[in-house]
Amino acid sequence: MDKHSGQKRAVQYLYPPIDPFDQRMLDVGDGHSIYVEQSGNPNGMPVVVLHGGPGGGCSPAMRRYFDPNIYRVILFDQRGCGRSRPHAEIAHNTTWHLVADIEHIRTSLGIDQWIVFGGSWGATLALIYAQTHPERPAALVLRGVFLMTQRELDWFYGGGAGQFWPETWARFADLIPENEQSDMIAAYHQRLFCGDRAVEVKYARSWAAWENALASVQSDGTSGSPPAEYARAFSRLENHYFRNAGFLDFDGQILAHMDRIAHIPAAIVQGRFDMICPPRSAFDLAARWPNAKLRMIQNAGHALSEPGISAELVRIMDQLAREG
């Protein structure tokens, strides 16, 4: 099957676009207000969607994985990104603030348990949230697993992925003097937070372009230049989190705490050729999770929009709806 027919089938498989029935700004303290929306069935099975990045923001396309007659779909923009305010702000913005925000949303909406759906950094956050509040997820649905380990950061920002995409890596690395290239996260941090907006945007676009270029298995190694405001928020927030190792207590924390969520059913969807979050992390996670089922998708990369990944996620959500 050629890639175009595969994309057509995946689009047909997604649910039609739906509009929110509720949109609000939720004050979460520390000067932050986050954008929260609900769509689908107000009395349906609640599912909270955790976007990637950190810093990516939610989008209308994320509603299309859920039958709107069955699911009550909750999306929100994490601190500092999307429609949340203040924009691109890193103060009072850590993993633990986000975990508290998720609980604030749950209690504000009067939800006892919900399905937690997240990909990439959203999968990281879903796992940490579940390990912190193991009584709240009815199930986890994860895509493109990222465990927030040094090994994964070294792969993507230390030249591992660059071995497959040398020309794309060169564009990312060559903006940094050679004597600083041994720590690309620190080198970009210095420029993303230099106080000169033009410089910050220049390096933010480069940071975002490196990731975007590798998202799809069909990539040719190039990506368009993202809008300045989006790139600045995405890159500053992502760099802030990665420079602080996700604000976890120790490297490998998620796998070490898997006993806390062993009882929770889970589905893990992973692209076989994911260059951003290689399949090893998904494999290691599933090996420590007796109630998890891992589905490796052939001819797929990292992006949520990969046809095989989209189709599998919709299938999983439909199955959970039938099991009720």
C-alpha atoms as a PDB file:
ATOM      1  CA  MET A   1       0.000   0.000   0.000  1.00  0.00           C
ATOM      2  CA  ASP A   2       1.414   3.396  -0.916  1.00  0.00           C
ATOM      3  CA  LYS A   3       1.645   6.123   1.682  1.00  0.00           C
ATOM      4  CA  HIS A   4      -1.169   8.186   0.150  1.00  0.00           C
ATOM      5  CA  SER A   5      -3.763   5.431   0.364  1.00  0.00           C
ATOM      6  CA  GLY A   6      -2.616   4.722   3.927  1.00  0.00           C
ATOM      7  CA  GLN A   7      -3.098   8.370   4.870  1.00  0.00           C
ATOM      8  CA  LYS A   8      -6.543   8.401   3.282  1.00  0.00           C
ATOM      9  CA  ARG A   9      -7.635   5.360   5.268  1.00  0.00           C
ATOM     10  CA  ALA A  10      -6.331   6.853   8.509  1.00  0.00           C
ATOM     11  CA  VAL A  11      -8.204  10.123   7.943  1.00  0.00           C
ATOM     12  CA  GLN A  12     -11.402   8.195   7.259  1.00  0.00           C
ATOM     13  CA  TYR A  13     -10.850   6.234  10.448  1.00  0.00           C
ATOM     14  CA  LEU A  14     -10.687   9.351  12.636  1.00  0.00           C
ATOM     15  CA  TYR A  15     -13.909  10.769  13.999  1.00  0.00           C
ATOM     16  CA  PRO A  16     -15.316  13.921  12.359  1.00  0.00           C
ATOM     17  CA  PRO A  17     -14.255  17.265  13.834  1.00  0.00           C
ATOM     18  CA  ILE A  18     -16.290  18.344  16.864  1.00  0.00           C
ATOM     19  CA  ASP A  19     -16.526  21.679  18.645  1.00  0.00           C
ATOM     20  CA  PRO A  20     -16.089  22.138  22.404  1.00  0.00           C
ATOM     21  CA  PHE A  21     -19.195  22.508  24.539  1.00  0.00           C
ATOM     22  CA  ASP A  22     -17.157  24.171  27.304  1.00  0.00           C
ATOM     23  CA  GLN A  23     -14.051  26.382  27.231  1.00  0.00           C
ATOM     24  CA  ARG A  24     -12.556  28.120  30.224  1.00  0.00           C
ATOM     25  CA  MET A  25      -9.431  29.645  31.723  1.00  0.00           C
ATOM     26  CA  LEU A  26      -8.635  27.936  35.021  1.00  0.00           C
ATOM     27  CA  ASP A  27      -6.581  29.768  37.650  1.00  0.00           C
ATOM     28  CA  VAL A  28      -4.021  27.283  38.987  1.00  0.00           C
ATOM     29  CA  GLY A  29      -2.065  29.703  41.168  1.00  0.00           C
ATOM     30  CA  ASP A  30       1.471  31.075  40.947  1.00  0.00           C
ATOM     31  CA  GLY A  31       0.212  33.642  38.428  1.00  0.00           C
ATOM     32  CA  HIS A  32      -0.698  30.929  35.894  1.00  0.00           C
ATOM     33  CA  SER A  33      -4.046  30.399  34.161  1.00  0.00           C
ATOM     34  CA  ILE A  34      -4.502  27.392  31.900  1.00  0.00           C
ATOM     35  CA  TYR A  35      -6.852  26.875  28.982  1.00  0.00           C
ATOM     36  CA  VAL A  36      -9.243  23.923  29.433  1.00  0.00           C
ATOM     37  CA  GLU A  37     -11.880  22.658  27.019  1.00  0.00           C
ATOM     38  CA  GLN A  38     -14.467  19.873  26.941  1.00  0.00           C
ATOM     39  CA  SER A  39     -16.055  18.278  23.882  1.00  0.00           C
ATOM     40  CA  GLY A  40     -18.111  15.225  23.005  1.00  0.00           C
ATOM     41  CA  ASN A  41     -20.723  13.832  25.397  1.00  0.00           C
ATOM     42  CA  PRO A  42     -21.031  15.877  28.637  1.00  0.00           C
ATOM     43  CA  ASN A  43     -22.219  12.719  30.404  1.00  0.00           C
ATOM     44  CA  GLY A  44     -19.830  10.359  28.664  1.00  0.00           C
ATOM     45  CA  MET A  45     -16.692   8.468  29.706  1.00  0.00           C
ATOM     46  CA  PRO A  46     -14.126  11.111  30.683  1.00  0.00           C
ATOM     47  CA  VAL A  47     -10.725  11.099  28.982  1.00  0.00           C
ATOM     48  CA  VAL A  48      -8.019  13.692  29.564  1.00  0.00           C
ATOM     49  CA  VAL A  49      -5.568  14.326  26.736  1.00  0.00           C
ATOM     50  CA  LEU A  50      -1.991  15.323  27.611  1.00  0.00           C
ATOM     51  CA  HIS A  51      -0.134  17.032  24.783  1.00  0.00           C
ATOM     52  CA  GLY A  52       3.549  16.737  24.029  1.00  0.00           C
ATOM     53  CA  GLY A  53       6.537  19.006  24.206  1.00  0.00           C
ATOM     54  CA  PRO A  54       6.695  20.141  26.940  1.00  0.00           C
ATOM     55  CA  GLY A  55       5.273  23.269  25.407  1.00  0.00           C
ATOM     56  CA  GLY A  56       3.382  21.930  22.418  1.00  0.00           C
ATOM     57  CA  GLY A  57      -0.208  22.850  23.283  1.00  0.00           C
ATOM     58  CA  CYS A  58      -3.419  21.048  22.373  1.00  0.00           C
ATOM     59  CA  SER A  59      -5.151  21.220  18.991  1.00  0.00           C
ATOM     60  CA  PRO A  60      -8.638  20.481  17.597  1.00  0.00           C
ATOM     61  CA  ALA A  61      -7.263  17.400  15.799  1.00  0.00           C
ATOM     62  CA  MET A  62      -6.694  15.746  19.188  1.00  0.00           C
ATOM     63  CA  ARG A  63     -10.478  15.475  19.671  1.00  0.00           C
ATOM     64  CA  ARG A  64     -10.798  13.173  16.669  1.00  0.00           C
ATOM     65  CA  TYR A  65      -9.571   9.992  18.368  1.00  0.00           C
ATOM     66  CA  PHE A  66     -12.713   9.669  20.479  1.00  0.00           C
ATOM     67  CA  ASP A  67     -16.305   8.769  19.612  1.00  0.00           C
ATOM     68  CA  PRO A  68     -18.106  12.013  20.554  1.00  0.00           C
ATOM     69  CA  ASN A  69     -21.256  10.098  21.440  1.00  0.00           C
ATOM     70  CA  ILE A  70     -19.392   8.120  24.102  1.00  0.00           C
ATOM     71  CA  TYR A  71     -16.485  10.194  25.372  1.00  0.00           C
ATOM     72  CA  ARG A  72     -16.287  13.380  27.398  1.00  0.00           C
ATOM     73  CA  VAL A  73     -12.996  14.719  26.025  1.00  0.00           C
ATOM     74  CA  ILE A  74     -10.917  17.097  28.165  1.00  0.00           C
ATOM     75  CA  LEU A  75      -8.008  18.927  26.552  1.00  0.00           C
ATOM     76  CA  PHE A  76      -5.852  21.628  28.101  1.00  0.00           C
ATOM     77  CA  ASP A  77      -2.771  23.682  27.349  1.00  0.00           C
ATOM     78  CA  GLN A  78      -0.069  23.073  29.943  1.00  0.00           C
ATOM     79  CA  ARG A  79       1.502  26.019  31.748  1.00  0.00           C
ATOM     80  CA  GLY A  80       3.147  28.578  29.506  1.00  0.00           C
ATOM     81  CA  CYS A  81       1.981  27.264  26.132  1.00  0.00           C
ATOM     82  CA  GLY A  82      -0.945  27.498  23.731  1.00  0.00           C
ATOM     83  CA  ARG A  83      -3.696  29.686  25.148  1.00  0.00           C
ATOM     84  CA  SER A  84      -2.461  29.394  28.739  1.00  0.00           C
ATOM     85  CA  ARG A  85      -0.981  32.482  30.341  1.00  0.00           C
ATOM     86  CA  PRO A  86       1.586  33.868  30.892  1.00  0.00           C
ATOM     87  CA  HIS A  87       2.943  32.686  27.552  1.00  0.00           C
ATOM     88  CA  ALA A  88       6.348  30.947  27.438  1.00  0.00           C
ATOM     89  CA  GLU A  89       6.742  31.388  31.199  1.00  0.00           C
ATOM     90  CA  ILE A  90       9.056  28.971  33.023  1.00  0.00           C
ATOM     91  CA  ALA A  91       8.621  30.322  36.560  1.00  0.00           C
ATOM     92  CA  HIS A  92       6.536  27.955  38.699  1.00  0.00           C
ATOM     93  CA  ASN A  93       6.525  25.563  35.769  1.00  0.00           C
ATOM     94  CA  THR A  94       7.714  22.046  36.630  1.00  0.00           C
ATOM     95  CA  THR A  95       6.441  18.513  36.198  1.00  0.00           C
ATOM     96  CA  TRP A  96       4.978  18.651  39.688  1.00  0.00           C
ATOM     97  CA  HIS A  97       3.081  21.848  38.931  1.00  0.00           C
ATOM     98  CA  LEU A  98       1.588  20.101  35.894  1.00  0.00           C
ATOM     99  CA  VAL A  99       0.613  17.032  37.943  1.00  0.00           C
ATOM    100  CA  ALA A 100      -1.140  19.336  40.412  1.00  0.00           C
ATOM    101  CA  ASP A 101      -2.854  21.135  37.517  1.00  0.00           C
ATOM    102  CA  ILE A 102      -4.233  17.838  36.178  1.00  0.00           C
ATOM    103  CA  GLU A 103      -5.716  17.078  39.589  1.00  0.00           C
ATOM    104  CA  HIS A 104      -7.124  20.616  39.776  1.00  0.00           C
ATOM    105  CA  ILE A 105      -8.855  20.076  36.432  1.00  0.00           C
ATOM    106  CA  ARG A 106     -10.252  16.706  37.560  1.00  0.00           C
ATOM    107  CA  THR A 107     -11.707  18.031  40.806  1.00  0.00           C
ATOM    108  CA  SER A 108     -12.972  21.246  39.152  1.00  0.00           C
ATOM    109  CA  LEU A 109     -14.916  19.145  36.636  1.00  0.00           C
ATOM    110  CA  GLY A 110     -16.258  16.752  39.273  1.00  0.00           C
ATOM    111  CA  ILE A 111     -14.616  13.648  37.783  1.00  0.00           C
ATOM    112  CA  ASP A 112     -13.737  10.667  39.973  1.00  0.00           C
ATOM    113  CA  GLN A 113     -11.781   8.556  37.452  1.00  0.00           C
ATOM    114  CA  TRP A 114     -10.780   9.132  33.861  1.00  0.00           C
ATOM    115  CA  ILE A 115      -8.798   7.605  31.029  1.00  0.00           C
ATOM    116  CA  VAL A 116      -5.428   9.326  30.617  1.00  0.00           C
ATOM    117  CA  PHE A 117      -4.311   9.653  26.985  1.00  0.00           C
ATOM    118  CA  GLY A 118      -0.894  11.078  26.123  1.00  0.00           C
ATOM    119  CA  GLY A 119       1.937  10.894  23.636  1.00  0.00           C
ATOM    120  CA  SER A 120       5.644  11.719  23.769  1.00  0.00           C
ATOM    121  CA  TRP A 121       6.055  14.154  26.699  1.00  0.00           C
ATOM    122  CA  GLY A 122       2.317  13.615  27.225  1.00  0.00           C
ATOM    123  CA  ALA A 123       3.097   9.928  27.878  1.00  0.00           C
ATOM    124  CA  THR A 124       5.789  10.955  30.374  1.00  0.00           C
ATOM    125  CA  LEU A 125       3.366  13.219  32.178  1.00  0.00           C
ATOM    126  CA  ALA A 126       0.622  10.565  32.111  1.00  0.00           C
ATOM    127  CA  LEU A 127       2.933   8.047  33.780  1.00  0.00           C
ATOM    128  CA  ILE A 128       4.116  10.481  36.451  1.00  0.00           C
ATOM    129  CA  TYR A 129       0.550  11.622  37.137  1.00  0.00           C
ATOM    130  CA  ALA A 130      -0.604   8.005  37.444  1.00  0.00           C
ATOM    131  CA  GLN A 131       2.274   7.124  39.777  1.00  0.00           C
ATOM    132  CA  THR A 132       1.396  10.137  41.946  1.00  0.00           C
ATOM    133  CA  HIS A 133      -2.375   9.521  41.919  1.00  0.00           C
ATOM    134  CA  PRO A 134      -2.741   5.793  41.119  1.00  0.00           C
ATOM    135  CA  GLU A 135      -6.416   5.707  42.129  1.00  0.00           C
ATOM    136  CA  ARG A 136      -7.481   8.209  39.466  1.00  0.00           C
ATOM    137  CA  PRO A 137      -6.688   6.681  36.019  1.00  0.00           C
ATOM    138  CA  ALA A 138      -9.204   4.083  34.830  1.00  0.00           C
ATOM    139  CA  ALA A 139      -6.720   3.255  32.048  1.00  0.00           C
ATOM    140  CA  LEU A 140      -3.710   4.767  30.296  1.00  0.00           C
ATOM    141  CA  VAL A 141      -3.323   5.048  26.525  1.00  0.00           C
ATOM    142  CA  LEU A 142       0.219   6.059  25.576  1.00  0.00           C
ATOM    143  CA  ARG A 143       1.943   6.834  22.283  1.00  0.00           C
ATOM    144  CA  GLY A 144       5.596   7.434  21.418  1.00  0.00           C
ATOM    145  CA  VAL A 145       6.882   6.661  24.899  1.00  0.00           C
ATOM    146  CA  PHE A 146       9.391   9.029  26.487  1.00  0.00           C
ATOM    147  CA  LEU A 147      10.648   8.122  29.979  1.00  0.00           C
ATOM    148  CA  MET A 148      12.571  11.336  30.672  1.00  0.00           C
ATOM    149  CA  THR A 149      15.943   9.594  31.054  1.00  0.00           C
ATOM    150  CA  GLN A 150      19.433  10.816  30.301  1.00  0.00           C
ATOM    151  CA  ARG A 151      19.835   8.015  27.760  1.00  0.00           C
ATOM    152  CA  GLU A 152      16.928   9.424  25.730  1.00  0.00           C
ATOM    153  CA  LEU A 153      18.212  12.997  25.938  1.00  0.00           C
ATOM    154  CA  ASP A 154      21.672  11.845  24.867  1.00  0.00           C
ATOM    155  CA  TRP A 155      20.117  10.076  21.882  1.00  0.00           C
ATOM    156  CA  PHE A 156      18.295  13.119  20.580  1.00  0.00           C
ATOM    157  CA  TYR A 157      20.543  15.978  21.680  1.00  0.00           C
ATOM    158  CA  GLY A 158      23.893  14.196  21.823  1.00  0.00           C
ATOM    159  CA  GLY A 159      24.142  13.096  18.210  1.00  0.00           C
ATOM    160  CA  GLY A 160      22.468   9.682  18.250  1.00  0.00           C
ATOM    161  CA  ALA A 161      19.575  10.601  15.967  1.00  0.00           C
ATOM    162  CA  GLY A 162      22.053  12.776  14.071  1.00  0.00           C
ATOM    163  CA  GLN A 163      23.827   9.629  12.897  1.00  0.00           C
ATOM    164  CA  PHE A 164      20.737   8.912  10.780  1.00  0.00           C
ATOM    165  CA  TRP A 165      20.091  12.542   9.816  1.00  0.00           C
ATOM    166  CA  PRO A 166      23.563  14.114   9.537  1.00  0.00           C
ATOM    167  CA  GLU A 167      22.513  16.994   7.295  1.00  0.00           C
ATOM    168  CA  THR A 168      19.584  17.885   9.573  1.00  0.00           C
ATOM    169  CA  TRP A 169      21.739  17.555  12.681  1.00  0.00           C
ATOM    170  CA  ALA A 170      24.359  19.833  11.073  1.00  0.00           C
ATOM    171  CA  ARG A 171      21.784  22.603  10.644  1.00  0.00           C
ATOM    172  CA  PHE A 172      20.871  22.261  14.338  1.00  0.00           C
ATOM    173  CA  ALA A 173      24.430  21.921  15.663  1.00  0.00           C
ATOM    174  CA  ASP A 174      26.219  24.431  13.441  1.00  0.00           C
ATOM    175  CA  LEU A 175      24.468  27.366  15.126  1.00  0.00           C
ATOM    176  CA  ILE A 176      26.495  26.494  18.235  1.00  0.00           C
ATOM    177  CA  PRO A 177      30.282  27.019  18.500  1.00  0.00           C
ATOM    178  CA  GLU A 178      32.161  23.719  18.350  1.00  0.00           C
ATOM    179  CA  ASN A 179      33.523  24.094  21.875  1.00  0.00           C
ATOM    180  CA  GLU A 180      29.932  24.141  23.240  1.00  0.00           C
ATOM    181  CA  GLN A 181      28.524  21.260  21.195  1.00  0.00           C
ATOM    182  CA  SER A 182      29.223  18.650  23.875  1.00  0.00           C
ATOM    183  CA  ASP A 183      26.110  19.917  25.719  1.00  0.00           C
ATOM    184  CA  MET A 184      23.574  21.136  23.189  1.00  0.00           C
ATOM    185  CA  ILE A 185      20.811  21.533  25.770  1.00  0.00           C
ATOM    186  CA  ALA A 186      22.947  23.924  27.823  1.00  0.00           C
ATOM    187  CA  ALA A 187      24.184  25.767  24.742  1.00  0.00           C
ATOM    188  CA  TYR A 188      20.673  26.364  23.433  1.00  0.00           C
ATOM    189  CA  HIS A 189      19.480  27.291  26.929  1.00  0.00           C
ATOM    190  CA  GLN A 190      21.961  30.158  27.042  1.00  0.00           C
ATOM    191  CA  ARG A 191      20.533  31.554  23.800  1.00  0.00           C
ATOM    192  CA  LEU A 192      16.842  30.784  24.371  1.00  0.00           C
ATOM    193  CA  PHE A 193      16.947  32.780  27.615  1.00  0.00           C
ATOM    194  CA  CYS A 194      19.387  35.535  26.641  1.00  0.00           C
ATOM    195  CA  GLY A 195      16.823  38.364  26.848  1.00  0.00           C
ATOM    196  CA  ASP A 196      17.232  39.396  23.205  1.00  0.00           C
ATOM    197  CA  ARG A 197      13.955  38.438  21.591  1.00  0.00           C
ATOM    198  CA  ALA A 198      15.353  38.182  18.058  1.00  0.00           C
ATOM    199  CA  VAL A 199      18.100  35.821  19.213  1.00  0.00           C
ATOM    200  CA  GLU A 200      15.639  33.783  21.257  1.00  0.00           C
ATOM    201  CA  VAL A 201      13.338  33.347  18.259  1.00  0.00           C
ATOM    202  CA  LYS A 202      16.226  32.393  15.961  1.00  0.00           C
ATOM    203  CA  TYR A 203      17.368  29.593  18.248  1.00  0.00           C
ATOM    204  CA  ALA A 204      13.811  28.611  19.148  1.00  0.00           C
ATOM    205  CA  ARG A 205      13.014  28.019  15.484  1.00  0.00           C
ATOM    206  CA  SER A 206      16.145  25.909  15.099  1.00  0.00           C
ATOM    207  CA  TRP A 207      15.345  23.853  18.222  1.00  0.00           C
ATOM    208  CA  ALA A 208      11.760  23.216  17.075  1.00  0.00           C
ATOM    209  CA  ALA A 209      12.799  22.506  13.471  1.00  0.00           C
ATOM    210  CA  TRP A 210      15.224  19.756  14.556  1.00  0.00           C
ATOM    211  CA  GLU A 211      12.409  17.913  16.318  1.00  0.00           C
ATOM    212  CA  ASN A 212       9.723  18.559  13.723  1.00  0.00           C
ATOM    213  CA  ALA A 213      11.949  17.342  10.891  1.00  0.00           C
ATOM    214  CA  LEU A 214      12.252  13.878  12.447  1.00  0.00           C
ATOM    215  CA  ALA A 215       8.623  13.369  13.515  1.00  0.00           C
ATOM    216  CA  SER A 216       7.357  11.422  10.498  1.00  0.00           C
ATOM    217  CA  VAL A 217       8.711   8.249   8.944  1.00  0.00           C
ATOM    218  CA  GLN A 218       8.086   9.949   5.587  1.00  0.00           C
ATOM    219  CA  SER A 219      10.292  12.929   6.489  1.00  0.00           C
ATOM    220  CA  ASP A 220      12.945  14.183   4.078  1.00  0.00           C
ATOM    221  CA  GLY A 221      14.786  15.858   6.956  1.00  0.00           C
ATOM    222  CA  THR A 222      13.388  19.318   6.418  1.00  0.00           C
ATOM    223  CA  SER A 223      10.581  21.237   8.109  1.00  0.00           C
ATOM    224  CA  GLY A 224       8.982  24.605   7.663  1.00  0.00           C
ATOM    225  CA  SER A 225       9.861  27.544   9.895  1.00  0.00           C
ATOM    226  CA  PRO A 226       7.355  27.556  12.784  1.00  0.00           C
ATOM    227  CA  PRO A 227       5.664  30.806  13.850  1.00  0.00           C
ATOM    228  CA  ALA A 228       7.817  32.846  16.197  1.00  0.00           C
ATOM    229  CA  GLU A 229       5.474  32.829  19.205  1.00  0.00           C
ATOM    230  CA  TYR A 230       4.845  29.075  19.006  1.00  0.00           C
ATOM    231  CA  ALA A 231       8.526  28.271  18.504  1.00  0.00           C
ATOM    232  CA  ARG A 232       9.627  30.472  21.394  1.00  0.00           C
ATOM    233  CA  ALA A 233       7.170  28.923  23.864  1.00  0.00           C
ATOM    234  CA  PHE A 234       7.749  25.352  22.692  1.00  0.00           C
ATOM    235  CA  SER A 235      11.539  25.584  22.672  1.00  0.00           C
ATOM    236  CA  ARG A 236      11.963  27.526  25.905  1.00  0.00           C
ATOM    237  CA  LEU A 237       9.651  25.203  27.825  1.00  0.00           C
ATOM    238  CA  GLU A 238      11.081  22.013  26.373  1.00  0.00           C
ATOM    239  CA  ASN A 239      14.640  23.156  26.986  1.00  0.00           C
ATOM    240  CA  HIS A 240      13.744  24.240  30.537  1.00  0.00           C
ATOM    241  CA  TYR A 241      12.341  20.809  31.340  1.00  0.00           C
ATOM    242  CA  PHE A 242      15.160  18.870  29.711  1.00  0.00           C
ATOM    243  CA  ARG A 243      17.875  20.996  31.327  1.00  0.00           C
ATOM    244  CA  ASN A 244      16.306  20.043  34.668  1.00  0.00           C
ATOM    245  CA  ALA A 245      15.899  16.332  33.797  1.00  0.00           C
ATOM    246  CA  GLY A 246      12.138  16.656  33.981  1.00  0.00           C
ATOM    247  CA  PHE A 247      12.372  17.701  37.642  1.00  0.00           C
ATOM    248  CA  LEU A 248      12.446  14.034  38.631  1.00  0.00           C
ATOM    249  CA  ASP A 249      14.196  12.852  41.778  1.00  0.00           C
ATOM    250  CA  PHE A 250      16.593  10.538  39.933  1.00  0.00           C
ATOM    251  CA  ASP A 251      17.348   9.167  36.486  1.00  0.00           C
ATOM    252  CA  GLY A 252      15.124   6.183  35.696  1.00  0.00           C
ATOM    253  CA  GLN A 253      12.449   7.186  38.210  1.00  0.00           C
ATOM    254  CA  ILE A 254       9.457   6.203  36.066  1.00  0.00           C
ATOM    255  CA  LEU A 255      10.561   2.604  35.556  1.00  0.00           C
ATOM    256  CA  ALA A 256      11.614   2.333  39.202  1.00  0.00           C
ATOM    257  CA  HIS A 257       8.096   3.265  40.338  1.00  0.00           C
ATOM    258  CA  MET A 258       6.114   0.980  38.031  1.00  0.00           C
ATOM    259  CA  ASP A 259       4.872  -1.066  41.001  1.00  0.00           C
ATOM    260  CA  ARG A 260       2.628   1.899  41.870  1.00  0.00           C
ATOM    261  CA  ILE A 261       0.566   1.503  38.687  1.00  0.00           C
ATOM    262  CA  ALA A 262       0.894  -2.224  37.959  1.00  0.00           C
ATOM    263  CA  HIS A 263      -2.872  -2.619  38.501  1.00  0.00           C
ATOM    264  CA  ILE A 264      -3.874  -0.029  35.882  1.00  0.00           C
ATOM    265  CA  PRO A 265      -4.685  -1.360  32.379  1.00  0.00           C
ATOM    266  CA  ALA A 266      -2.732   0.302  29.602  1.00  0.00           C
ATOM    267  CA  ALA A 267      -2.229   0.338  25.856  1.00  0.00           C
ATOM    268  CA  ILE A 268       1.096   1.484  24.395  1.00  0.00           C
ATOM    269  CA  VAL A 269       1.340   2.430  20.717  1.00  0.00           C
ATOM    270  CA  GLN A 270       4.845   2.888  19.354  1.00  0.00           C
ATOM    271  CA  GLY A 271       6.209   3.649  15.899  1.00  0.00           C
ATOM    272  CA  ARG A 272       8.866   1.116  14.928  1.00  0.00           C
ATOM    273  CA  PHE A 273      10.999   3.839  13.321  1.00  0.00           C
ATOM    274  CA  ASP A 274      10.475   6.586  15.893  1.00  0.00           C
ATOM    275  CA  MET A 275      13.630   8.728  15.687  1.00  0.00           C
ATOM    276  CA  ILE A 276      12.638  11.072  18.515  1.00  0.00           C
ATOM    277  CA  CYS A 277      11.614   8.492  21.126  1.00  0.00           C
ATOM    278  CA  PRO A 278      13.148   5.157  20.072  1.00  0.00           C
ATOM    279  CA  PRO A 279      11.111   1.982  20.742  1.00  0.00           C
ATOM    280  CA  ARG A 280      13.458   0.744  23.479  1.00  0.00           C
ATOM    281  CA  SER A 281      11.644   2.894  26.043  1.00  0.00           C
ATOM    282  CA  ALA A 282       8.217   1.509  25.120  1.00  0.00           C
ATOM    283  CA  PHE A 283       9.604  -2.028  25.258  1.00  0.00           C
ATOM    284  CA  ASP A 284      11.182  -1.485  28.688  1.00  0.00           C
ATOM    285  CA  LEU A 285       7.972   0.073  29.992  1.00  0.00           C
ATOM    286  CA  ALA A 286       5.774  -2.797  28.797  1.00  0.00           C
ATOM    287  CA  ALA A 287       8.186  -5.363  30.239  1.00  0.00           C
ATOM    288  CA  ARG A 288       7.580  -3.891  33.714  1.00  0.00           C
ATOM    289  CA  TRP A 289       3.814  -3.500  33.355  1.00  0.00           C
ATOM    290  CA  PRO A 290       1.761  -6.717  33.540  1.00  0.00           C
ATOM    291  CA  ASN A 291      -1.475  -4.962  32.545  1.00  0.00           C
ATOM    292  CA  ALA A 292      -0.017  -3.164  29.520  1.00  0.00           C
ATOM    293  CA  LYS A 293      -0.253  -4.226  25.891  1.00  0.00           C
ATOM    294  CA  LEU A 294       2.406  -2.936  23.503  1.00  0.00           C
ATOM    295  CA  ARG A 295       1.590  -2.454  19.838  1.00  0.00           C
ATOM    296  CA  MET A 296       4.545  -1.721  17.565  1.00  0.00           C
ATOM    297  CA  ILE A 297       3.408   0.016  14.381  1.00  0.00           C
ATOM    298  CA  GLN A 298       5.461  -0.852  11.309  1.00  0.00           C
ATOM    299  CA  ASN A 299       6.414   1.929   8.876  1.00  0.00           C
ATOM    300  CA  ALA A 300       5.627   4.611  11.465  1.00  0.00           C
ATOM    301  CA  GLY A 301       7.682   7.285  13.178  1.00  0.00           C
ATOM    302  CA  HIS A 302       6.855   9.498  16.127  1.00  0.00           C
ATOM    303  CA  ALA A 303       3.991  11.753  15.069  1.00  0.00           C
ATOM    304  CA  LEU A 304       0.455  11.312  16.330  1.00  0.00           C
ATOM    305  CA  SER A 305      -0.682  11.843  12.737  1.00  0.00           C
ATOM    306  CA  GLU A 306       1.177   8.807  11.360  1.00  0.00           C
ATOM    307  CA  PRO A 307      -1.587   6.775   9.647  1.00  0.00           C
ATOM    308  CA  GLY A 308      -0.892   3.486  11.422  1.00  0.00           C
ATOM    309  CA  ILE A 309      -0.596   5.177  14.810  1.00  0.00           C
ATOM    310  CA  SER A 310      -3.820   7.148  14.343  1.00  0.00           C
ATOM    311  CA  ALA A 311      -5.741   4.073  13.266  1.00  0.00           C
ATOM    312  CA  GLU A 312      -4.497   2.010  16.218  1.00  0.00           C
ATOM    313  CA  LEU A 313      -5.307   4.717  18.754  1.00  0.00           C
ATOM    314  CA  VAL A 314      -8.866   5.034  17.448  1.00  0.00           C
ATOM    315  CA  ARG A 315      -9.236   1.236  17.561  1.00  0.00           C
ATOM    316  CA  ILE A 316      -8.067   1.175  21.181  1.00  0.00           C
ATOM    317  CA  MET A 317     -10.433   3.960  22.241  1.00  0.00           C
ATOM    318  CA  ASP A 318     -13.339   2.237  20.488  1.00  0.00           C
ATOM    319  CA  GLN A 319     -12.491  -0.994  22.301  1.00  0.00           C
ATOM    320  CA  LEU A 320     -12.382   0.781  25.666  1.00  0.00           C
ATOM    321  CA  ALA A 321     -15.763   2.340  24.861  1.00  0.00           C
ATOM    322  CA  ARG A 322     -17.261  -1.116  24.159  1.00  0.00           C
ATOM    323  CA  GLU A 323     -15.816  -2.503  27.386  1.00  0.00           C
ATOM    324  CA  GLY A 324     -17.308   0.490  29.146  1.00  0.00           C
END
